[in-house]
Amino acid sequence: MKKYVDAQAYFDDDHERSAILNEIRAILLSCDLEETIKWFLPTYLHQKRLVIGLGHFKEFVSIWFHHGVFLSDPLNVLINAQKGKTMGLRQWRFTSMKDIDHTAIKMYVKEAIKNSEEGLEIKAKAKPMIAMPELLQKALDDDPSLVLAYDSLTRSKQNEYKEYIINAKREATKYNRLEKIKPMILSGIGLHDKYRKSK
């Protein structure tokens, strides 16, 4: 997947679904939404809150309603693309220009904006704390500065480092990973921060 850092660049790319994508973009921009880029895809905010995402794929163009589970969906067009995994996200797919109904899309967008203003959203559940791997615990016990830096990290970042050690199958790999993450922990950064910053 190409990593776009600018929404306009995403729409400037020419492909077989460009016309559908740009038509839907025009509708969204007429609905009091701010366009930006997140996860390398165009996203649309209302009062700084994420409401909608837009993207093209091999077989369709999709509008994502980030808290679409709360939409009334009178036309029965919304789908949950990952049942059992996705709680709030709902998609509306378009395969041709004939699928685009300006009035209907605006109706759904306005309801999504209203829901956002009312604070309707699925709250992400906090992940449980992962057990401390023995190797990482020993490194912390041996280095007070490492303990201080590690304790200042968020729970999710601590979990990332624990999983990184735990998921190594070979003992040598565990040691190599430990040496790799020590300077990262001391710098106060998470294992995946470089990817988060590019989103």
C-alpha atoms as a PDB file:
ATOM      1  CA  MET A   1       0.000   0.000   0.000  1.00  0.00           C
ATOM      2  CA  LYS A   2       1.330   3.391  -0.985  1.00  0.00           C
ATOM      3  CA  LYS A   3       1.970   5.648   2.012  1.00  0.00           C
ATOM      4  CA  TYR A   4       0.300   8.985   1.373  1.00  0.00           C
ATOM      5  CA  VAL A   5       1.132  11.886   3.684  1.00  0.00           C
ATOM      6  CA  ASP A   6      -1.138  14.362   1.885  1.00  0.00           C
ATOM      7  CA  ALA A   7      -4.830  13.912   1.055  1.00  0.00           C
ATOM      8  CA  GLN A   8      -4.567  15.692  -2.297  1.00  0.00           C
ATOM      9  CA  ALA A   9      -1.845  13.277  -3.426  1.00  0.00           C
ATOM     10  CA  TYR A  10      -4.233  10.405  -2.731  1.00  0.00           C
ATOM     11  CA  PHE A  11      -6.843  11.898  -5.060  1.00  0.00           C
ATOM     12  CA  ASP A  12      -4.292  12.889  -7.714  1.00  0.00           C
ATOM     13  CA  ASP A  13      -3.385   9.242  -8.330  1.00  0.00           C
ATOM     14  CA  ASP A  14      -5.140   8.007 -11.460  1.00  0.00           C
ATOM     15  CA  HIS A  15      -6.891   4.616 -11.301  1.00  0.00           C
ATOM     16  CA  GLU A  16     -10.065   2.975 -12.523  1.00  0.00           C
ATOM     17  CA  ARG A  17     -12.101   4.183  -9.543  1.00  0.00           C
ATOM     18  CA  SER A  18     -10.868   7.794  -9.569  1.00  0.00           C
ATOM     19  CA  ALA A  19     -14.199   9.201 -10.784  1.00  0.00           C
ATOM     20  CA  ILE A  20     -16.163   7.486  -7.987  1.00  0.00           C
ATOM     21  CA  LEU A  21     -13.609   8.515  -5.367  1.00  0.00           C
ATOM     22  CA  ASN A  22     -13.538  12.166  -6.419  1.00  0.00           C
ATOM     23  CA  GLU A  23     -17.321  12.396  -6.673  1.00  0.00           C
ATOM     24  CA  ILE A  24     -17.732  11.130  -3.117  1.00  0.00           C
ATOM     25  CA  ARG A  25     -14.936  13.437  -1.937  1.00  0.00           C
ATOM     26  CA  ALA A  26     -16.838  16.428  -3.322  1.00  0.00           C
ATOM     27  CA  ILE A  27     -19.952  15.361  -1.393  1.00  0.00           C
ATOM     28  CA  LEU A  28     -18.013  14.984   1.863  1.00  0.00           C
ATOM     29  CA  LEU A  29     -16.329  18.365   1.462  1.00  0.00           C
ATOM     30  CA  SER A  30     -19.755  19.971   1.069  1.00  0.00           C
ATOM     31  CA  CYS A  31     -20.830  18.654   4.486  1.00  0.00           C
ATOM     32  CA  ASP A  32     -18.889  20.852   6.938  1.00  0.00           C
ATOM     33  CA  LEU A  33     -16.058  18.339   7.296  1.00  0.00           C
ATOM     34  CA  GLU A  34     -12.314  18.994   7.486  1.00  0.00           C
ATOM     35  CA  GLU A  35     -10.191  16.782   5.224  1.00  0.00           C
ATOM     36  CA  THR A  36      -6.907  15.361   6.475  1.00  0.00           C
ATOM     37  CA  ILE A  37      -4.837  12.184   6.170  1.00  0.00           C
ATOM     38  CA  LYS A  38      -4.637   9.375   8.736  1.00  0.00           C
ATOM     39  CA  TRP A  39      -3.428   5.807   8.284  1.00  0.00           C
ATOM     40  CA  PHE A  40      -2.301   7.023   4.809  1.00  0.00           C
ATOM     41  CA  LEU A  41      -5.950   7.489   3.764  1.00  0.00           C
ATOM     42  CA  PRO A  42      -8.211  10.567   3.495  1.00  0.00           C
ATOM     43  CA  THR A  43     -10.193  11.114   6.682  1.00  0.00           C
ATOM     44  CA  TYR A  44     -12.808  13.688   7.609  1.00  0.00           C
ATOM     45  CA  LEU A  45     -13.172  15.478  10.909  1.00  0.00           C
ATOM     46  CA  HIS A  46     -15.948  17.538  12.458  1.00  0.00           C
ATOM     47  CA  GLN A  47     -14.950  19.773  15.357  1.00  0.00           C
ATOM     48  CA  LYS A  48     -11.623  17.877  15.549  1.00  0.00           C
ATOM     49  CA  ARG A  49     -13.400  14.522  15.915  1.00  0.00           C
ATOM     50  CA  LEU A  50     -12.850  11.728  13.416  1.00  0.00           C
ATOM     51  CA  VAL A  51     -16.137  10.964  11.655  1.00  0.00           C
ATOM     52  CA  ILE A  52     -15.428   9.426   8.249  1.00  0.00           C
ATOM     53  CA  GLY A  53     -12.691   7.737   6.225  1.00  0.00           C
ATOM     54  CA  LEU A  54     -12.584   7.320   2.448  1.00  0.00           C
ATOM     55  CA  GLY A  55     -10.588   4.900   0.333  1.00  0.00           C
ATOM     56  CA  HIS A  56     -10.444   2.925  -2.896  1.00  0.00           C
ATOM     57  CA  PHE A  57      -9.718  -0.759  -3.245  1.00  0.00           C
ATOM     58  CA  LYS A  58      -9.501  -3.257  -6.078  1.00  0.00           C
ATOM     59  CA  GLU A  59     -13.241  -3.810  -6.347  1.00  0.00           C
ATOM     60  CA  PHE A  60     -14.874  -0.796  -4.667  1.00  0.00           C
ATOM     61  CA  VAL A  61     -14.627   2.634  -3.075  1.00  0.00           C
ATOM     62  CA  SER A  62     -15.600   2.746   0.575  1.00  0.00           C
ATOM     63  CA  ILE A  63     -16.856   5.353   3.015  1.00  0.00           C
ATOM     64  CA  TRP A  64     -16.053   4.343   6.605  1.00  0.00           C
ATOM     65  CA  PHE A  65     -18.250   5.729   9.323  1.00  0.00           C
ATOM     66  CA  HIS A  66     -16.042   5.477  12.388  1.00  0.00           C
ATOM     67  CA  HIS A  67     -18.971   5.140  14.757  1.00  0.00           C
ATOM     68  CA  GLY A  68     -21.358   3.863  12.125  1.00  0.00           C
ATOM     69  CA  VAL A  69     -22.881   1.330  14.510  1.00  0.00           C
ATOM     70  CA  PHE A  70     -24.988   4.245  15.814  1.00  0.00           C
ATOM     71  CA  LEU A  71     -26.362   5.187  12.377  1.00  0.00           C
ATOM     72  CA  SER A  72     -30.018   4.319  11.717  1.00  0.00           C
ATOM     73  CA  ASP A  73     -29.098   3.010   8.214  1.00  0.00           C
ATOM     74  CA  PRO A  74     -32.579   3.399   6.616  1.00  0.00           C
ATOM     75  CA  LEU A  75     -31.280   2.191   3.220  1.00  0.00           C
ATOM     76  CA  ASN A  76     -29.584  -0.873   4.739  1.00  0.00           C
ATOM     77  CA  VAL A  77     -26.293  -0.112   2.960  1.00  0.00           C
ATOM     78  CA  LEU A  78     -23.826  -0.354   5.833  1.00  0.00           C
ATOM     79  CA  ILE A  79     -21.745  -3.442   6.466  1.00  0.00           C
ATOM     80  CA  ASN A  80     -19.380  -4.587   9.176  1.00  0.00           C
ATOM     81  CA  ALA A  81     -16.355  -5.693   7.162  1.00  0.00           C
ATOM     82  CA  GLN A  82     -14.779  -7.564  10.089  1.00  0.00           C
ATOM     83  CA  LYS A  83     -17.511  -9.130  12.176  1.00  0.00           C
ATOM     84  CA  GLY A  84     -16.286 -10.152  15.571  1.00  0.00           C
ATOM     85  CA  LYS A  85     -13.402  -7.654  15.407  1.00  0.00           C
ATOM     86  CA  THR A  86     -14.897  -4.290  14.467  1.00  0.00           C
ATOM     87  CA  MET A  87     -17.303  -2.852  17.001  1.00  0.00           C
ATOM     88  CA  GLY A  88     -18.146   0.665  15.812  1.00  0.00           C
ATOM     89  CA  LEU A  89     -16.863   0.940  12.241  1.00  0.00           C
ATOM     90  CA  ARG A  90     -19.304   0.525   9.345  1.00  0.00           C
ATOM     91  CA  GLN A  91     -18.649   0.674   5.586  1.00  0.00           C
ATOM     92  CA  TRP A  92     -20.667   1.842   2.603  1.00  0.00           C
ATOM     93  CA  ARG A  93     -19.249   0.444  -0.640  1.00  0.00           C
ATOM     94  CA  PHE A  94     -19.547   1.845  -4.168  1.00  0.00           C
ATOM     95  CA  THR A  95     -18.600  -0.075  -7.313  1.00  0.00           C
ATOM     96  CA  SER A  96     -19.856   2.360  -9.986  1.00  0.00           C
ATOM     97  CA  MET A  97     -20.994   5.944 -10.445  1.00  0.00           C
ATOM     98  CA  LYS A  98     -24.577   4.636 -10.510  1.00  0.00           C
ATOM     99  CA  ASP A  99     -24.235   3.702  -6.827  1.00  0.00           C
ATOM    100  CA  ILE A 100     -23.706   7.339  -5.810  1.00  0.00           C
ATOM    101  CA  ASP A 101     -26.826   9.029  -4.456  1.00  0.00           C
ATOM    102  CA  HIS A 102     -25.844  12.544  -3.315  1.00  0.00           C
ATOM    103  CA  THR A 103     -28.938  13.025  -1.160  1.00  0.00           C
ATOM    104  CA  ALA A 104     -28.560   9.671   0.581  1.00  0.00           C
ATOM    105  CA  ILE A 105     -24.839  10.112   1.277  1.00  0.00           C
ATOM    106  CA  LYS A 106     -25.430  13.585   2.726  1.00  0.00           C
ATOM    107  CA  MET A 107     -28.229  12.206   4.912  1.00  0.00           C
ATOM    108  CA  TYR A 108     -25.885   9.564   6.380  1.00  0.00           C
ATOM    109  CA  VAL A 109     -23.043  12.075   6.808  1.00  0.00           C
ATOM    110  CA  LYS A 110     -25.310  14.566   8.599  1.00  0.00           C
ATOM    111  CA  GLU A 111     -26.487  11.854  10.983  1.00  0.00           C
ATOM    112  CA  ALA A 112     -22.863  10.813  11.617  1.00  0.00           C
ATOM    113  CA  ILE A 113     -21.952  14.444  12.382  1.00  0.00           C
ATOM    114  CA  LYS A 114     -24.928  14.782  14.719  1.00  0.00           C
ATOM    115  CA  ASN A 115     -23.936  11.577  16.518  1.00  0.00           C
ATOM    116  CA  SER A 116     -20.380  12.876  16.848  1.00  0.00           C
ATOM    117  CA  GLU A 117     -21.617  16.161  18.331  1.00  0.00           C
ATOM    118  CA  GLU A 118     -23.684  14.170  20.836  1.00  0.00           C
ATOM    119  CA  GLY A 119     -20.611  12.153  21.823  1.00  0.00           C
ATOM    120  CA  LEU A 120     -21.866   8.783  20.589  1.00  0.00           C
ATOM    121  CA  GLU A 121     -18.812   6.573  20.239  1.00  0.00           C
ATOM    122  CA  ILE A 122     -17.490   3.137  21.051  1.00  0.00           C
ATOM    123  CA  LYS A 123     -14.790   3.450  23.674  1.00  0.00           C
ATOM    124  CA  ALA A 124     -11.732   1.304  23.082  1.00  0.00           C
ATOM    125  CA  LYS A 125     -11.238  -1.234  25.845  1.00  0.00           C
ATOM    126  CA  ALA A 126      -7.948  -0.972  27.662  1.00  0.00           C
ATOM    127  CA  LYS A 127      -5.734  -3.957  26.954  1.00  0.00           C
ATOM    128  CA  PRO A 128      -4.880  -6.044  30.002  1.00  0.00           C
ATOM    129  CA  MET A 129      -1.364  -5.815  31.350  1.00  0.00           C
ATOM    130  CA  ILE A 130       0.906  -8.495  29.871  1.00  0.00           C
ATOM    131  CA  ALA A 131       3.049 -10.558  32.234  1.00  0.00           C
ATOM    132  CA  MET A 132       6.621  -9.348  32.521  1.00  0.00           C
ATOM    133  CA  PRO A 133       9.115 -11.609  30.709  1.00  0.00           C
ATOM    134  CA  GLU A 134      11.904 -12.762  32.997  1.00  0.00           C
ATOM    135  CA  LEU A 135      14.659 -11.437  30.738  1.00  0.00           C
ATOM    136  CA  LEU A 136      13.238  -7.905  30.641  1.00  0.00           C
ATOM    137  CA  GLN A 137      12.621  -7.954  34.393  1.00  0.00           C
ATOM    138  CA  LYS A 138      16.277  -8.876  35.045  1.00  0.00           C
ATOM    139  CA  ALA A 139      17.447  -6.015  32.795  1.00  0.00           C
ATOM    140  CA  LEU A 140      15.241  -3.607  34.751  1.00  0.00           C
ATOM    141  CA  ASP A 141      16.487  -4.951  38.092  1.00  0.00           C
ATOM    142  CA  ASP A 142      20.095  -4.392  36.979  1.00  0.00           C
ATOM    143  CA  ASP A 143      19.651  -0.830  35.728  1.00  0.00           C
ATOM    144  CA  PRO A 144      17.823   1.845  37.792  1.00  0.00           C
ATOM    145  CA  SER A 145      17.816   4.314  34.879  1.00  0.00           C
ATOM    146  CA  LEU A 146      16.117   1.720  32.677  1.00  0.00           C
ATOM    147  CA  VAL A 147      13.466   1.144  35.362  1.00  0.00           C
ATOM    148  CA  LEU A 148      12.771   4.868  35.593  1.00  0.00           C
ATOM    149  CA  ALA A 149      12.428   5.205  31.821  1.00  0.00           C
ATOM    150  CA  TYR A 150      10.295   2.058  31.533  1.00  0.00           C
ATOM    151  CA  ASP A 151       7.930   3.163  34.316  1.00  0.00           C
ATOM    152  CA  SER A 152       7.349   6.470  32.543  1.00  0.00           C
ATOM    153  CA  LEU A 153       6.024   4.694  29.423  1.00  0.00           C
ATOM    154  CA  THR A 154       2.310   4.197  28.854  1.00  0.00           C
ATOM    155  CA  ARG A 155       0.804   0.780  29.532  1.00  0.00           C
ATOM    156  CA  SER A 156       0.392   0.094  25.812  1.00  0.00           C
ATOM    157  CA  LYS A 157       4.055   0.861  25.123  1.00  0.00           C
ATOM    158  CA  GLN A 158       5.150  -1.344  28.019  1.00  0.00           C
ATOM    159  CA  ASN A 159       2.986  -4.141  26.599  1.00  0.00           C
ATOM    160  CA  GLU A 160       4.573  -3.715  23.156  1.00  0.00           C
ATOM    161  CA  TYR A 161       8.041  -4.226  24.608  1.00  0.00           C
ATOM    162  CA  LYS A 162       6.940  -7.243  26.640  1.00  0.00           C
ATOM    163  CA  GLU A 163       5.309  -8.872  23.609  1.00  0.00           C
ATOM    164  CA  TYR A 164       8.400  -8.176  21.525  1.00  0.00           C
ATOM    165  CA  ILE A 165      10.509 -10.233  23.936  1.00  0.00           C
ATOM    166  CA  ILE A 166       7.874 -12.920  24.594  1.00  0.00           C
ATOM    167  CA  ASN A 167       7.170 -13.536  20.890  1.00  0.00           C
ATOM    168  CA  ALA A 168      10.799 -14.349  20.076  1.00  0.00           C
ATOM    169  CA  LYS A 169      11.074 -18.139  19.748  1.00  0.00           C
ATOM    170  CA  ARG A 170      14.800 -18.539  20.260  1.00  0.00           C
ATOM    171  CA  GLU A 171      16.625 -17.500  23.394  1.00  0.00           C
ATOM    172  CA  ALA A 172      19.308 -15.749  21.329  1.00  0.00           C
ATOM    173  CA  THR A 173      16.623 -13.708  19.574  1.00  0.00           C
ATOM    174  CA  LYS A 174      15.190 -12.668  22.947  1.00  0.00           C
ATOM    175  CA  TYR A 175      18.613 -11.337  24.004  1.00  0.00           C
ATOM    176  CA  ASN A 176      19.097  -9.546  20.677  1.00  0.00           C
ATOM    177  CA  ARG A 177      15.699  -7.916  20.987  1.00  0.00           C
ATOM    178  CA  LEU A 178      16.412  -6.858  24.551  1.00  0.00           C
ATOM    179  CA  GLU A 179      19.619  -5.102  23.477  1.00  0.00           C
ATOM    180  CA  LYS A 180      17.732  -3.391  20.646  1.00  0.00           C
ATOM    181  CA  ILE A 181      14.975  -2.000  22.875  1.00  0.00           C
ATOM    182  CA  LYS A 182      17.104  -0.789  25.803  1.00  0.00           C
ATOM    183  CA  PRO A 183      18.159   2.481  24.097  1.00  0.00           C
ATOM    184  CA  MET A 184      14.591   2.984  22.863  1.00  0.00           C
ATOM    185  CA  ILE A 185      13.210   2.658  26.391  1.00  0.00           C
ATOM    186  CA  LEU A 186      15.875   5.012  27.739  1.00  0.00           C
ATOM    187  CA  SER A 187      14.871   7.529  25.051  1.00  0.00           C
ATOM    188  CA  GLY A 188      11.254   7.316  26.189  1.00  0.00           C
ATOM    189  CA  ILE A 189       9.916   6.072  22.864  1.00  0.00           C
ATOM    190  CA  GLY A 190       7.622   3.167  22.073  1.00  0.00           C
ATOM    191  CA  LEU A 191       8.501   0.202  19.911  1.00  0.00           C
ATOM    192  CA  HIS A 192       6.212   1.348  17.083  1.00  0.00           C
ATOM    193  CA  ASP A 193       6.447   5.139  17.461  1.00  0.00           C
ATOM    194  CA  LYS A 194       8.158   5.676  14.110  1.00  0.00           C
ATOM    195  CA  TYR A 195       5.131   4.159  12.363  1.00  0.00           C
ATOM    196  CA  ARG A 196       2.649   6.172  14.432  1.00  0.00           C
ATOM    197  CA  LYS A 197       4.377   9.461  13.525  1.00  0.00           C
ATOM    198  CA  SER A 198       4.084   8.737   9.800  1.00  0.00           C
ATOM    199  CA  LYS A 199       0.339   8.247   9.970  1.00  0.00           C
END
